Amino acid sequence: MLGAWGTPGATDVAELLTSELVTNALVHTDHGAVVTATVVPEQLRVEVRDFVPGIDPPRVPYADDGTHGRGLVLVEALADSWGVENQGVGKVVWFELNGGAA
C-alpha cells in the first residue's frame, strides 16, 4: 500500500509506528484490535482501535526497563501528529505522517 507513497524512510517509520500501536493494543488489552490506514498523496493516517476503555498517558521508560514502555514515546517522537480518542467501548490511538508523494 505504501510502495509509491512518502519520502525515503517514511514507509519504514510508518511500519515501525503501526507495529508499536498494534503491539500495545494486543499486549495491554487482550481483546484484539482493528487497524485502519488511510493514504492520500500528502498524508498517511493509521488508527488502531481496541475495545478496552481508559487512556494512559505515555511514560518515559526507565533506562534499565528493557524493551518495554517505548511505544508511545516513539510515536510521539516520529509522527507528525498523533492522539488518543475515546470510542465508547474502547479507544483509538492514531498517528499521521506527512510524507508526501514520492
Protein backbone atom coordinates (compact mmCIF):
# COMPACT_ATOMS: atom_id res chain seq x y z
CA MET A 1 0.00 0.00 0.00
CA LEU A 2 2.85 2.40 0.77
CA GLY A 3 5.09 1.40 -2.12
CA ALA A 4 4.66 4.66 -4.04
CA TRP A 5 3.99 6.90 -1.05
CA GLY A 6 6.29 9.00 1.04
CA THR A 7 9.77 10.34 1.16
CA PRO A 8 12.72 7.97 1.64
CA GLY A 9 12.39 6.31 5.01
CA ALA A 10 8.75 7.34 5.54
CA THR A 11 7.45 3.83 4.91
CA ASP A 12 9.93 2.45 7.47
CA VAL A 13 8.66 4.95 10.06
CA ALA A 14 5.04 4.08 9.19
CA GLU A 15 5.76 0.37 9.64
CA LEU A 16 7.52 0.93 12.99
CA LEU A 17 4.78 3.15 14.42
CA THR A 18 2.00 0.84 13.23
CA SER A 19 3.78 -2.11 14.81
CA GLU A 20 4.13 -0.22 18.09
CA LEU A 21 0.44 0.72 18.25
CA VAL A 22 -0.77 -2.77 17.34
CA THR A 23 1.59 -4.35 19.86
CA ASN A 24 0.34 -2.00 22.59
CA ALA A 25 -3.27 -2.85 21.80
CA LEU A 26 -2.65 -6.59 21.84
CA VAL A 27 -0.37 -6.68 24.90
CA HIS A 28 -2.31 -4.27 27.09
CA THR A 29 -5.90 -5.22 26.28
CA ASP A 30 -6.08 -8.95 25.42
CA HIS A 31 -9.15 -8.14 23.31
CA GLY A 32 -7.78 -7.73 19.80
CA ALA A 33 -7.53 -4.61 17.68
CA VAL A 34 -8.72 -3.13 14.41
CA VAL A 35 -6.22 -1.29 12.19
CA THR A 36 -7.30 1.30 9.63
CA ALA A 37 -4.89 3.09 7.30
CA THR A 38 -5.80 5.98 5.03
CA VAL A 39 -3.32 7.08 2.39
CA VAL A 40 -3.59 10.21 0.30
CA PRO A 41 -0.73 11.74 -1.71
CA GLU A 42 0.30 14.12 1.05
CA GLN A 43 -0.50 12.11 4.20
CA LEU A 44 -0.81 8.72 5.87
CA ARG A 45 -3.13 8.21 8.84
CA VAL A 46 -3.10 4.98 10.82
CA GLU A 47 -5.68 4.23 13.52
CA VAL A 48 -5.58 1.29 15.92
CA ARG A 49 -8.78 0.65 17.83
CA ASP A 50 -9.04 -1.54 20.89
CA PHE A 51 -12.04 -2.46 22.97
CA VAL A 52 -10.89 -1.59 26.49
CA PRO A 53 -11.76 1.82 27.98
CA GLY A 54 -9.19 4.09 29.51
CA ILE A 55 -6.33 6.17 28.28
CA ASP A 56 -2.95 6.05 29.96
CA PRO A 57 -0.54 8.89 29.17
CA PRO A 58 2.78 7.90 27.61
CA ARG A 59 5.54 7.44 30.11
CA VAL A 60 9.25 7.92 29.77
CA PRO A 61 10.77 4.46 30.19
CA TYR A 62 13.44 3.78 32.77
CA ALA A 63 16.89 3.23 31.26
CA ASP A 64 17.01 -0.34 32.59
CA ASP A 65 13.43 -1.19 31.57
CA GLY A 66 14.50 -3.49 28.74
CA THR A 67 12.35 -3.06 25.65
CA HIS A 68 9.05 -2.15 27.31
CA GLY A 69 7.42 1.26 27.59
CA ARG A 70 8.81 2.91 24.49
CA GLY A 71 5.93 2.54 22.01
CA LEU A 72 4.09 5.81 22.55
CA VAL A 73 7.35 7.64 23.15
CA LEU A 74 8.41 6.56 19.64
CA VAL A 75 5.05 7.59 18.21
CA GLU A 76 5.32 10.99 19.86
CA ALA A 77 8.87 11.48 18.58
CA LEU A 78 8.43 10.28 14.99
CA ALA A 79 4.84 11.09 13.97
CA ASP A 80 3.87 14.49 12.60
CA SER A 81 0.78 14.29 14.79
CA TRP A 82 -0.88 11.67 16.96
CA GLY A 83 -3.57 11.28 19.57
CA VAL A 84 -5.97 9.10 21.51
CA GLU A 85 -9.76 9.27 21.29
CA ASN A 86 -12.33 7.55 23.46
CA GLN A 87 -14.78 5.49 21.43
CA GLY A 88 -17.39 4.50 24.00
CA VAL A 89 -16.23 0.91 24.21
CA GLY A 90 -12.50 1.24 23.81
CA LYS A 91 -10.31 3.84 22.21
CA VAL A 92 -8.50 4.73 19.01
CA VAL A 93 -4.82 5.61 19.03
CA TRP A 94 -3.76 7.26 15.78
CA PHE A 95 -0.81 8.88 14.08
CA GLU A 96 -0.26 10.86 10.91
CA LEU A 97 2.81 11.17 8.72
CA ASN A 98 3.07 14.00 6.22
CA GLY A 99 5.50 12.18 3.94
CA GLY A 100 4.10 13.50 0.69
CA ALA A 101 4.19 11.75 -2.65
CA ALA A 102 7.45 10.06 -3.56
